[in-house]
Amino acid sequence: MKNIFYFFLTALISSIALLLTRDSFEPELVYSTVVLIWILYIWYHVYAADKRNYSE
């Protein structure tokens, strides 16, 4: 369920980036935004898993 939420969040942010840069569309900006969100998402899950392992 969380993966679907993050997928829609990524789509929303990339759509906002598309709307803001409609006149001067830069695909690199949208792709880098999407990649950055997924990297942060994966890093958060790795960090949370490490924290759970240490706390037990």
N, C-alpha and C. Protein backbone atom coordinates (compact mmCIF):
# COMPACT_ATOMS: atom_id res chain seq x y z
N MET A 1 0.83 -1.21 0.00
CA MET A 1 0.00 0.00 0.00
C MET A 1 0.86 1.26 0.00
N LYS A 2 1.95 1.22 0.79
CA LYS A 2 2.82 2.38 0.83
C LYS A 2 3.50 2.62 -0.51
N ASN A 3 3.84 1.52 -1.22
CA ASN A 3 4.49 1.67 -2.52
C ASN A 3 3.58 2.40 -3.50
N ILE A 4 2.29 2.09 -3.45
CA ILE A 4 1.33 2.76 -4.33
C ILE A 4 1.25 4.24 -3.97
N PHE A 5 1.26 4.54 -2.67
CA PHE A 5 1.22 5.94 -2.23
C PHE A 5 2.43 6.70 -2.75
N TYR A 6 3.61 6.10 -2.64
CA TYR A 6 4.82 6.79 -3.10
C TYR A 6 4.84 6.90 -4.62
N PHE A 7 4.26 5.93 -5.32
CA PHE A 7 4.17 6.03 -6.78
C PHE A 7 3.31 7.22 -7.17
N PHE A 8 2.15 7.38 -6.52
CA PHE A 8 1.28 8.51 -6.82
C PHE A 8 1.91 9.83 -6.39
N LEU A 9 2.65 9.82 -5.28
CA LEU A 9 3.34 11.03 -4.85
C LEU A 9 4.39 11.43 -5.89
N THR A 10 5.11 10.46 -6.41
CA THR A 10 6.10 10.74 -7.46
C THR A 10 5.42 11.30 -8.70
N ALA A 11 4.30 10.70 -9.08
CA ALA A 11 3.57 11.18 -10.25
C ALA A 11 3.06 12.60 -10.03
N LEU A 12 2.60 12.89 -8.83
CA LEU A 12 2.10 14.23 -8.52
C LEU A 12 3.21 15.26 -8.62
N ILE A 13 4.35 14.97 -8.02
CA ILE A 13 5.46 15.93 -8.03
C ILE A 13 5.98 16.12 -9.45
N SER A 14 6.07 15.05 -10.22
CA SER A 14 6.54 15.20 -11.60
C SER A 14 5.52 15.98 -12.43
N SER A 15 4.23 15.80 -12.14
CA SER A 15 3.21 16.57 -12.85
C SER A 15 3.31 18.05 -12.52
N ILE A 16 3.56 18.36 -11.25
CA ILE A 16 3.74 19.76 -10.85
C ILE A 16 4.96 20.35 -11.54
N ALA A 17 6.05 19.57 -11.60
CA ALA A 17 7.25 20.04 -12.29
C ALA A 17 6.96 20.27 -13.77
N LEU A 18 6.16 19.40 -14.36
CA LEU A 18 5.79 19.58 -15.77
C LEU A 18 4.97 20.86 -15.96
N LEU A 19 4.03 21.11 -15.06
CA LEU A 19 3.19 22.31 -15.19
C LEU A 19 4.00 23.58 -14.98
N LEU A 20 4.95 23.55 -14.04
CA LEU A 20 5.74 24.74 -13.77
C LEU A 20 6.70 25.05 -14.91
N THR A 21 7.17 24.02 -15.59
CA THR A 21 8.16 24.22 -16.66
C THR A 21 7.54 23.93 -18.02
N ARG A 22 6.27 24.28 -18.17
CA ARG A 22 5.58 23.98 -19.44
C ARG A 22 6.19 24.78 -20.59
N ASP A 23 6.56 26.04 -20.33
CA ASP A 23 7.12 26.87 -21.40
C ASP A 23 8.51 26.39 -21.79
N SER A 24 9.32 26.10 -20.79
CA SER A 24 10.68 25.61 -21.07
C SER A 24 10.80 24.22 -20.47
N PHE A 25 10.28 23.23 -21.18
CA PHE A 25 10.23 21.86 -20.65
C PHE A 25 11.62 21.24 -20.66
N GLU A 26 12.04 20.78 -19.50
CA GLU A 26 13.33 20.11 -19.38
C GLU A 26 13.08 18.71 -18.82
N PRO A 27 13.16 17.69 -19.66
CA PRO A 27 12.91 16.33 -19.17
C PRO A 27 13.89 15.91 -18.08
N GLU A 28 15.12 16.45 -18.14
CA GLU A 28 16.12 16.09 -17.13
C GLU A 28 15.65 16.49 -15.74
N LEU A 29 14.96 17.62 -15.63
CA LEU A 29 14.47 18.07 -14.33
C LEU A 29 13.44 17.09 -13.77
N VAL A 30 12.53 16.66 -14.62
CA VAL A 30 11.49 15.73 -14.16
C VAL A 30 12.11 14.39 -13.80
N TYR A 31 13.00 13.88 -14.66
CA TYR A 31 13.62 12.59 -14.38
C TYR A 31 14.45 12.64 -13.11
N SER A 32 15.20 13.72 -12.94
CA SER A 32 16.04 13.81 -11.73
C SER A 32 15.18 13.94 -10.48
N THR A 33 14.04 14.62 -10.58
CA THR A 33 13.13 14.71 -9.44
C THR A 33 12.58 13.35 -9.07
N VAL A 34 12.15 12.58 -10.06
CA VAL A 34 11.60 11.25 -9.81
C VAL A 34 12.68 10.34 -9.22
N VAL A 35 13.88 10.37 -9.79
CA VAL A 35 14.97 9.52 -9.29
C VAL A 35 15.33 9.91 -7.87
N LEU A 36 15.37 11.21 -7.59
CA LEU A 36 15.71 11.68 -6.24
C LEU A 36 14.67 11.19 -5.23
N ILE A 37 13.40 11.25 -5.57
CA ILE A 37 12.36 10.78 -4.65
C ILE A 37 12.51 9.30 -4.38
N TRP A 38 12.79 8.50 -5.42
CA TRP A 38 12.93 7.05 -5.20
C TRP A 38 14.18 6.73 -4.41
N ILE A 39 15.27 7.48 -4.63
CA ILE A 39 16.49 7.25 -3.83
C ILE A 39 16.22 7.56 -2.37
N LEU A 40 15.53 8.66 -2.09
CA LEU A 40 15.20 9.00 -0.70
C LEU A 40 14.27 7.96 -0.09
N TYR A 41 13.34 7.46 -0.88
CA TYR A 41 12.41 6.43 -0.39
C TYR A 41 13.16 5.15 -0.02
N ILE A 42 14.05 4.71 -0.89
CA ILE A 42 14.84 3.50 -0.61
C ILE A 42 15.76 3.72 0.58
N TRP A 43 16.41 4.89 0.64
CA TRP A 43 17.30 5.19 1.76
C TRP A 43 16.53 5.19 3.08
N TYR A 44 15.33 5.74 3.07
CA TYR A 44 14.52 5.76 4.29
C TYR A 44 14.20 4.35 4.75
N HIS A 45 13.84 3.48 3.81
CA HIS A 45 13.51 2.11 4.21
C HIS A 45 14.72 1.36 4.71
N VAL A 46 15.88 1.56 4.11
CA VAL A 46 17.10 0.92 4.59
C VAL A 46 17.44 1.44 5.98
N TYR A 47 17.33 2.75 6.18
CA TYR A 47 17.62 3.35 7.48
C TYR A 47 16.66 2.85 8.55
N ALA A 48 15.37 2.77 8.21
CA ALA A 48 14.37 2.29 9.18
C ALA A 48 14.61 0.82 9.51
N ALA A 49 14.99 0.03 8.53
CA ALA A 49 15.26 -1.39 8.78
C ALA A 49 16.48 -1.54 9.68
N ASP A 50 17.53 -0.74 9.44
CA ASP A 50 18.72 -0.79 10.29
C ASP A 50 18.37 -0.37 11.71
N LYS A 51 17.56 0.65 11.85
CA LYS A 51 17.19 1.14 13.18
C LYS A 51 16.40 0.07 13.93
N ARG A 52 15.49 -0.62 13.23
CA ARG A 52 14.73 -1.70 13.87
C ARG A 52 15.65 -2.82 14.32
N ASN A 53 16.62 -3.17 13.48
CA ASN A 53 17.53 -4.27 13.83
C ASN A 53 18.37 -3.92 15.05
N TYR A 54 18.81 -2.67 15.15
CA TYR A 54 19.64 -2.28 16.29
C TYR A 54 18.84 -2.16 17.57
N SER A 55 17.57 -1.78 17.45
CA SER A 55 16.77 -1.58 18.65
C SER A 55 16.32 -2.89 19.28
N GLU A 56 16.32 -3.98 18.51
CA GLU A 56 15.86 -5.26 19.06
C GLU A 56 16.93 -5.92 19.90
